[in-house]
Protein backbone atom coordinates (compact mmCIF):
# COMPACT_ATOMS: atom_id res chain seq x y z
CA UNK A 1 92.95 94.17 105.60
CA UNK A 2 90.33 93.24 108.19
CA UNK A 3 91.63 90.71 111.02
CA UNK A 4 89.29 87.95 111.71
CA UNK A 5 88.62 84.30 111.30
CA UNK A 6 86.32 82.57 109.15
CA UNK A 7 86.99 78.74 109.09
CA UNK A 8 86.40 76.46 106.02
CA UNK A 9 84.04 79.19 104.43
CA UNK A 10 85.14 78.24 101.03
CA UNK A 11 84.67 74.45 101.48
CA UNK A 12 81.15 74.82 102.99
CA UNK A 13 79.39 77.21 100.38
CA UNK A 14 78.77 75.92 96.89
CA UNK A 15 80.15 78.00 94.05
CA UNK A 16 76.93 78.83 92.39
CA UNK A 17 75.28 79.99 95.72
CA UNK A 18 78.54 81.82 96.88
CA UNK A 19 78.37 84.34 94.09
CA UNK A 20 75.36 84.10 91.85
CA UNK A 21 75.82 87.71 90.77
CA UNK A 22 78.59 90.29 91.54
CA UNK A 23 78.33 94.01 92.29
CA UNK A 24 80.43 96.63 94.56
CA UNK A 25 78.34 95.42 97.58
CA UNK A 26 79.18 91.51 96.94
CA UNK A 27 82.86 92.66 96.43
CA UNK A 28 83.07 93.31 100.18
CA UNK A 29 81.33 90.17 101.51
CA UNK A 30 84.73 88.20 101.82
CA UNK A 31 86.04 90.88 104.20
CA UNK A 32 82.71 90.88 106.14
CA UNK A 33 82.85 87.13 106.56
CA UNK A 34 86.50 87.09 107.48
CA UNK A 35 85.63 89.33 110.47
CA UNK A 36 83.20 86.64 111.99
CA UNK A 37 84.60 85.61 115.31
CA UNK A 38 85.37 81.90 115.62
CA UNK A 39 82.63 80.07 117.29
CA UNK A 40 79.91 82.64 116.38
CA UNK A 41 76.60 81.78 117.78
CA UNK A 42 74.38 84.48 116.58
CA UNK A 43 74.79 86.82 113.63
CA UNK A 44 72.53 89.75 112.40
CA UNK A 45 72.66 91.11 108.86
CA UNK A 46 71.06 94.62 108.90
CA UNK A 47 69.64 95.48 105.63
CA UNK A 48 69.88 92.08 104.28
CA UNK A 49 68.37 92.60 100.90
CA UNK A 50 67.73 89.25 99.09
CA UNK A 51 69.42 87.49 101.85
CA UNK A 52 72.74 86.70 99.77
CA UNK A 53 75.18 87.54 102.71
CA UNK A 54 73.02 86.03 105.35
CA UNK A 55 73.03 82.77 103.42
CA UNK A 56 76.89 82.87 103.33
CA UNK A 57 76.93 83.81 107.01
CA UNK A 58 75.34 80.46 107.93
CA UNK A 59 78.66 78.80 107.16
CA UNK A 60 80.39 80.63 110.12
CA UNK A 61 77.45 81.34 112.63
CA UNK A 62 75.06 78.70 114.14
CA UNK A 63 72.07 81.12 113.92
CA UNK A 64 71.60 83.89 111.52
CA UNK A 65 69.05 86.45 111.38
CA UNK A 66 68.55 88.99 108.40
CA UNK A 67 66.35 92.14 108.74
CA UNK A 68 64.87 94.55 105.93
CA UNK A 69 62.29 96.88 105.47
CA UNK A 70 61.44 96.08 101.93
CA UNK A 71 58.76 93.31 101.63
CA UNK A 72 59.98 92.30 98.16
CA UNK A 73 63.50 91.67 99.35
CA UNK A 74 62.34 89.67 102.27
CA UNK A 75 60.22 87.51 100.26
CA UNK A 76 63.00 86.72 97.92
CA UNK A 77 65.38 86.04 100.98
CA UNK A 78 62.64 83.54 102.51
CA UNK A 79 62.22 81.96 99.10
CA UNK A 80 65.87 80.60 99.50
CA UNK A 81 65.80 79.48 103.05
CA UNK A 82 63.88 76.17 103.01
CA UNK A 83 67.09 73.86 103.47
CA UNK A 84 68.94 76.29 105.82
CA UNK A 85 68.14 75.59 109.41
CA UNK A 86 68.99 78.53 111.72
CA UNK A 87 68.34 81.17 109.09
CA UNK A 88 65.32 83.40 109.63
CA UNK A 89 64.34 86.76 108.02
CA UNK A 90 62.63 89.67 109.74
CA UNK A 91 60.40 92.29 107.59
CA UNK A 92 60.55 95.64 109.29
CA UNK A 93 62.36 98.82 110.22
CA UNK A 94 65.63 97.90 111.77
CA UNK A 95 65.21 100.79 114.45
CA UNK A 96 62.00 99.39 115.67
CA UNK A 97 62.02 95.73 114.84
CA UNK A 98 61.70 93.17 117.89
CA UNK A 99 65.38 91.99 118.26
CA UNK A 100 66.95 90.63 121.45
CA UNK A 101 69.13 93.38 123.22
CA UNK A 102 72.92 92.20 123.39
CA UNK A 103 71.70 89.11 121.61
CA UNK A 104 74.27 88.77 118.76
CA UNK A 105 77.89 87.94 118.55
CA UNK A 106 78.35 89.23 115.07
CA UNK A 107 76.41 92.19 113.33
CA UNK A 108 77.10 93.39 109.86
CA UNK A 109 75.46 95.94 107.47
CA UNK A 110 76.48 96.41 103.73
CA UNK A 111 75.25 99.29 101.83
CA UNK A 112 72.26 99.93 104.13
CA UNK A 113 73.16 102.42 106.72
CA UNK A 114 72.56 105.55 104.62
CA UNK A 115 69.02 104.33 104.33
CA UNK A 116 68.65 105.19 108.06
CA UNK A 117 69.30 107.61 110.63
CA UNK A 118 72.96 106.80 110.87
CA UNK A 119 73.36 107.81 114.58
CA UNK A 120 70.31 105.94 115.67
CA UNK A 121 71.14 102.72 113.61
CA UNK A 122 74.68 102.67 115.16
CA UNK A 123 73.27 103.15 118.60
CA UNK A 124 70.92 100.14 117.91
CA UNK A 125 73.65 97.84 116.46
CA UNK A 126 75.91 98.67 119.54
CA UNK A 127 73.10 97.82 121.86
CA UNK A 128 72.31 94.66 119.97
CA UNK A 129 75.87 93.37 120.09
CA UNK A 130 76.95 91.21 122.87
CA UNK A 131 80.05 92.17 124.88
CA UNK A 132 82.98 90.97 123.02
CA UNK A 133 81.17 90.85 119.77
CA UNK A 134 82.15 92.38 116.39
CA UNK A 135 80.34 94.78 114.38
CA UNK A 136 81.11 95.42 110.59
CA UNK A 137 79.52 98.23 108.51
CA UNK A 138 80.24 98.85 104.84
CA UNK A 139 78.52 101.77 103.47
CA UNK A 140 78.19 104.55 100.94
CA UNK A 141 78.80 108.21 101.73
CA UNK A 142 78.67 111.54 99.96
CA UNK A 143 81.95 113.20 98.37
CA UNK A 144 82.38 116.55 99.97
CA UNK A 145 85.86 117.46 100.43
CA UNK A 146 88.77 117.98 97.82
CA UNK A 147 90.24 114.61 99.05
CA UNK A 148 87.12 112.71 98.46
CA UNK A 149 86.63 114.09 94.87
CA UNK A 150 90.20 113.31 94.22
CA UNK A 151 89.99 109.81 95.56
CA UNK A 152 86.79 109.26 93.37
CA UNK A 153 88.30 110.51 90.26
CA UNK A 154 91.52 108.43 90.74
CA UNK A 155 89.49 105.29 91.38
CA UNK A 156 87.09 105.91 88.49
CA UNK A 157 88.83 104.03 85.87
CA UNK A 158 89.30 101.01 88.24
CA UNK A 159 85.85 100.97 89.10
CA UNK A 160 84.61 101.09 85.50
CA UNK A 161 86.95 98.32 84.29
CA UNK A 162 86.00 96.27 87.19
CA UNK A 163 82.18 96.51 87.05
CA UNK A 164 82.78 95.67 83.05
CA UNK A 165 84.90 92.61 83.75
CA UNK A 166 82.77 91.20 86.54
CA UNK A 167 79.47 92.14 84.76
CA UNK A 168 78.21 94.00 87.74
CA UNK A 169 74.56 93.52 88.39
CA UNK A 170 72.02 93.92 91.36
CA UNK A 171 68.79 92.18 92.15
CA UNK A 172 65.64 93.78 90.56
CA UNK A 173 63.63 95.94 93.05
CA UNK A 174 66.54 96.58 95.25
CA UNK A 175 65.96 99.95 97.09
CA UNK A 176 68.39 102.73 96.29
CA UNK A 177 68.85 105.96 98.15
CA UNK A 178 71.60 108.62 97.91
CA UNK A 179 73.69 109.07 101.01
CA UNK A 180 73.37 112.24 102.89
CA UNK A 181 76.39 112.27 105.13
CA UNK A 182 79.94 112.72 103.83
CA UNK A 183 82.89 110.29 104.43
CA UNK A 184 84.10 112.58 107.11
CA UNK A 185 80.81 112.99 108.90
CA UNK A 186 80.38 109.11 108.77
CA UNK A 187 84.07 108.80 110.22
CA UNK A 188 83.46 111.35 112.90
CA UNK A 189 79.98 109.80 114.04
CA UNK A 190 81.43 106.30 114.08
CA UNK A 191 84.47 107.60 116.09
CA UNK A 192 82.16 109.01 118.82
CA UNK A 193 79.83 106.24 119.03
CA UNK A 194 82.19 103.39 118.67
CA UNK A 195 85.44 104.07 120.52
CA UNK A 196 88.31 102.23 119.01
CA UNK A 197 86.74 101.49 115.61
CA UNK A 198 88.72 101.06 112.68
CA UNK A 199 87.76 103.09 109.62
CA UNK A 200 88.78 102.51 105.94
CA UNK A 201 87.90 103.77 102.59
CA UNK A 202 87.77 101.40 99.65
CA UNK A 203 88.47 101.84 96.00
CA UNK A 204 84.79 100.63 94.88
CA UNK A 205 83.29 103.72 96.38
CA UNK A 206 82.67 102.05 99.69
CA UNK A 207 83.86 102.73 103.41
CA UNK A 208 84.23 100.01 106.17
CA UNK A 209 84.03 100.47 109.91
CA UNK A 210 84.92 97.40 112.27
CA UNK A 211 84.51 97.59 115.95
CA UNK A 212 84.78 95.05 118.76
CA UNK A 213 82.50 95.78 121.66
CA UNK A 214 84.51 95.75 124.84
CA UNK A 215 84.12 92.69 127.07
CA UNK A 216 82.51 92.85 130.45
């Protein structure tokens, strides 16, 4: 379990907005939100899609920015922001988008890293994070080793039943892309670029990386 504080989240967000749909990405939202540092000023959601997680983040951060390269997803995200001060969305490539250096106390990315150059994306996230800030990445990776395939086969019944019970669905038009790097490659890259990070592989075919940037 990740360690972090997320005050009064369940009391602030209405139930219908909290989970209008469920899938294996949404399944990790609770853990992402639990890692938001108390008193968070600025949060960034990389690869925000339709803005579901970014909207949830407004319960824990004073200002939230979502960035995504899909015009369709950003249009949907903006359609839900009218009554949410402090929530903005940026359309563009995360690697080149105009974002303030060391401007965020919390950065998260759910199932978006494999759409980008992994090393370049992690380096930019590191640069955008303020000293003492927290980075959380949830992603997909390619099964490569015997251990990877054994874990996938063992989890298959749980994944299938969970998706059926929860009626898994994703927004129409959500971009999809097969991961190129294996779990081992992701872990090695994250270990090199984010010293002291914590890595975990999850049952529903996701991994997570959590890292706290050293204070000055």
